């Protein structure tokens, strides 16, 4: 996690604001990328065998539960 310094906060305060419609589109794009990453990660997780799951410290049950979640679920 990045720590914001006082200088960085002042820089952010002085940054130009983007129009509301653009901010909404950016937020939507960010959400779509997050959803895509979740879906891809869960697909990969579902393909791991028992040995690989053990290597990452996940049980088969935990992997199944996570892989069965929909892309919008955390």
C-alpha atoms as a PDB file:
ATOM      1  CA  UNK A   1       0.000   0.000   0.000  1.00  0.00           C
ATOM      2  CA  UNK A   2       1.336   3.437  -0.925  1.00  0.00           C
ATOM      3  CA  UNK A   3       1.645   6.071   1.754  1.00  0.00           C
ATOM      4  CA  UNK A   4       0.532   9.523   0.690  1.00  0.00           C
ATOM      5  CA  UNK A   5       2.906  12.270   1.674  1.00  0.00           C
ATOM      6  CA  UNK A   6       1.786  15.829   2.380  1.00  0.00           C
ATOM      7  CA  UNK A   7       3.373  16.914  -0.909  1.00  0.00           C
ATOM      8  CA  UNK A   8       1.504  14.212  -2.819  1.00  0.00           C
ATOM      9  CA  UNK A   9      -1.789  15.207  -1.175  1.00  0.00           C
ATOM     10  CA  UNK A  10      -1.275  18.827  -2.197  1.00  0.00           C
ATOM     11  CA  UNK A  11      -0.528  17.702  -5.730  1.00  0.00           C
ATOM     12  CA  UNK A  12      -3.759  15.692  -5.792  1.00  0.00           C
ATOM     13  CA  UNK A  13      -5.739  18.646  -4.460  1.00  0.00           C
ATOM     14  CA  UNK A  14      -4.452  20.813  -7.298  1.00  0.00           C
ATOM     15  CA  UNK A  15      -5.052  18.196  -9.979  1.00  0.00           C
ATOM     16  CA  UNK A  16      -7.633  19.130 -12.581  1.00  0.00           C
ATOM     17  CA  UNK A  17     -11.043  17.542 -12.120  1.00  0.00           C
ATOM     18  CA  UNK A  18     -12.513  15.442 -14.891  1.00  0.00           C
ATOM     19  CA  UNK A  19     -16.143  15.866 -15.954  1.00  0.00           C
ATOM     20  CA  UNK A  20     -18.684  13.658 -14.180  1.00  0.00           C
ATOM     21  CA  UNK A  21     -19.555  11.562 -17.256  1.00  0.00           C
ATOM     22  CA  UNK A  22     -15.857  10.829 -17.791  1.00  0.00           C
ATOM     23  CA  UNK A  23     -15.434   9.885 -14.127  1.00  0.00           C
ATOM     24  CA  UNK A  24     -18.385   7.487 -14.421  1.00  0.00           C
ATOM     25  CA  UNK A  25     -16.876   5.879 -17.530  1.00  0.00           C
ATOM     26  CA  UNK A  26     -13.497   5.508 -15.830  1.00  0.00           C
ATOM     27  CA  UNK A  27     -15.145   3.924 -12.771  1.00  0.00           C
ATOM     28  CA  UNK A  28     -17.075   1.531 -15.031  1.00  0.00           C
ATOM     29  CA  UNK A  29     -13.901   0.582 -16.913  1.00  0.00           C
ATOM     30  CA  UNK A  30     -12.075  -0.096 -13.643  1.00  0.00           C
ATOM     31  CA  UNK A  31     -14.935  -2.318 -12.457  1.00  0.00           C
ATOM     32  CA  UNK A  32     -14.962  -4.277 -15.725  1.00  0.00           C
ATOM     33  CA  UNK A  33     -11.215  -4.897 -15.453  1.00  0.00           C
ATOM     34  CA  UNK A  34     -11.636  -6.093 -11.843  1.00  0.00           C
ATOM     35  CA  UNK A  35     -14.448  -8.439 -12.874  1.00  0.00           C
ATOM     36  CA  UNK A  36     -12.382  -9.794 -15.758  1.00  0.00           C
ATOM     37  CA  UNK A  37      -9.398 -10.426 -13.473  1.00  0.00           C
ATOM     38  CA  UNK A  38     -11.596 -12.210 -10.918  1.00  0.00           C
ATOM     39  CA  UNK A  39     -13.128 -14.441 -13.571  1.00  0.00           C
ATOM     40  CA  UNK A  40      -9.755 -15.333 -15.096  1.00  0.00           C
ATOM     41  CA  UNK A  41      -8.163 -15.967 -11.681  1.00  0.00           C
ATOM     42  CA  UNK A  42     -11.035 -18.221 -10.616  1.00  0.00           C
ATOM     43  CA  UNK A  43     -10.840 -20.161 -13.881  1.00  0.00           C
ATOM     44  CA  UNK A  44      -7.127 -20.744 -13.325  1.00  0.00           C
ATOM     45  CA  UNK A  45      -7.757 -21.735  -9.705  1.00  0.00           C
ATOM     46  CA  UNK A  46     -10.330 -24.321 -10.796  1.00  0.00           C
ATOM     47  CA  UNK A  47      -7.707 -26.000 -13.023  1.00  0.00           C
ATOM     48  CA  UNK A  48      -5.074 -26.490 -10.308  1.00  0.00           C
ATOM     49  CA  UNK A  49      -4.482 -30.025  -9.064  1.00  0.00           C
ATOM     50  CA  UNK A  50      -4.186 -31.043  -5.400  1.00  0.00           C
ATOM     51  CA  UNK A  51      -0.387 -30.682  -5.371  1.00  0.00           C
ATOM     52  CA  UNK A  52      -0.513 -27.150  -6.751  1.00  0.00           C
ATOM     53  CA  UNK A  53      -3.242 -26.160  -4.308  1.00  0.00           C
ATOM     54  CA  UNK A  54      -1.152 -27.515  -1.435  1.00  0.00           C
ATOM     55  CA  UNK A  55       1.788 -25.418  -2.658  1.00  0.00           C
ATOM     56  CA  UNK A  56      -0.276 -22.236  -2.344  1.00  0.00           C
ATOM     57  CA  UNK A  57      -1.897 -23.279   0.932  1.00  0.00           C
ATOM     58  CA  UNK A  58      -5.439 -23.774  -0.355  1.00  0.00           C
ATOM     59  CA  UNK A  59      -7.603 -26.850   0.147  1.00  0.00           C
ATOM     60  CA  UNK A  60      -9.633 -28.353  -2.659  1.00  0.00           C
ATOM     61  CA  UNK A  61     -12.825 -27.280  -0.876  1.00  0.00           C
ATOM     62  CA  UNK A  62     -11.613 -23.688  -0.552  1.00  0.00           C
ATOM     63  CA  UNK A  63     -10.607 -23.635  -4.213  1.00  0.00           C
ATOM     64  CA  UNK A  64     -13.988 -25.022  -5.280  1.00  0.00           C
ATOM     65  CA  UNK A  65     -15.862 -22.440  -3.194  1.00  0.00           C
ATOM     66  CA  UNK A  66     -13.812 -19.596  -4.663  1.00  0.00           C
ATOM     67  CA  UNK A  67     -13.988 -20.911  -8.234  1.00  0.00           C
ATOM     68  CA  UNK A  68     -17.772 -21.283  -8.015  1.00  0.00           C
ATOM     69  CA  UNK A  69     -18.296 -17.601  -7.202  1.00  0.00           C
ATOM     70  CA  UNK A  70     -19.649 -15.317  -9.896  1.00  0.00           C
ATOM     71  CA  UNK A  71     -17.337 -12.652 -11.309  1.00  0.00           C
ATOM     72  CA  UNK A  72     -19.072  -9.847  -9.401  1.00  0.00           C
ATOM     73  CA  UNK A  73     -18.791 -11.593  -6.038  1.00  0.00           C
ATOM     74  CA  UNK A  74     -15.874 -10.825  -3.767  1.00  0.00           C
END
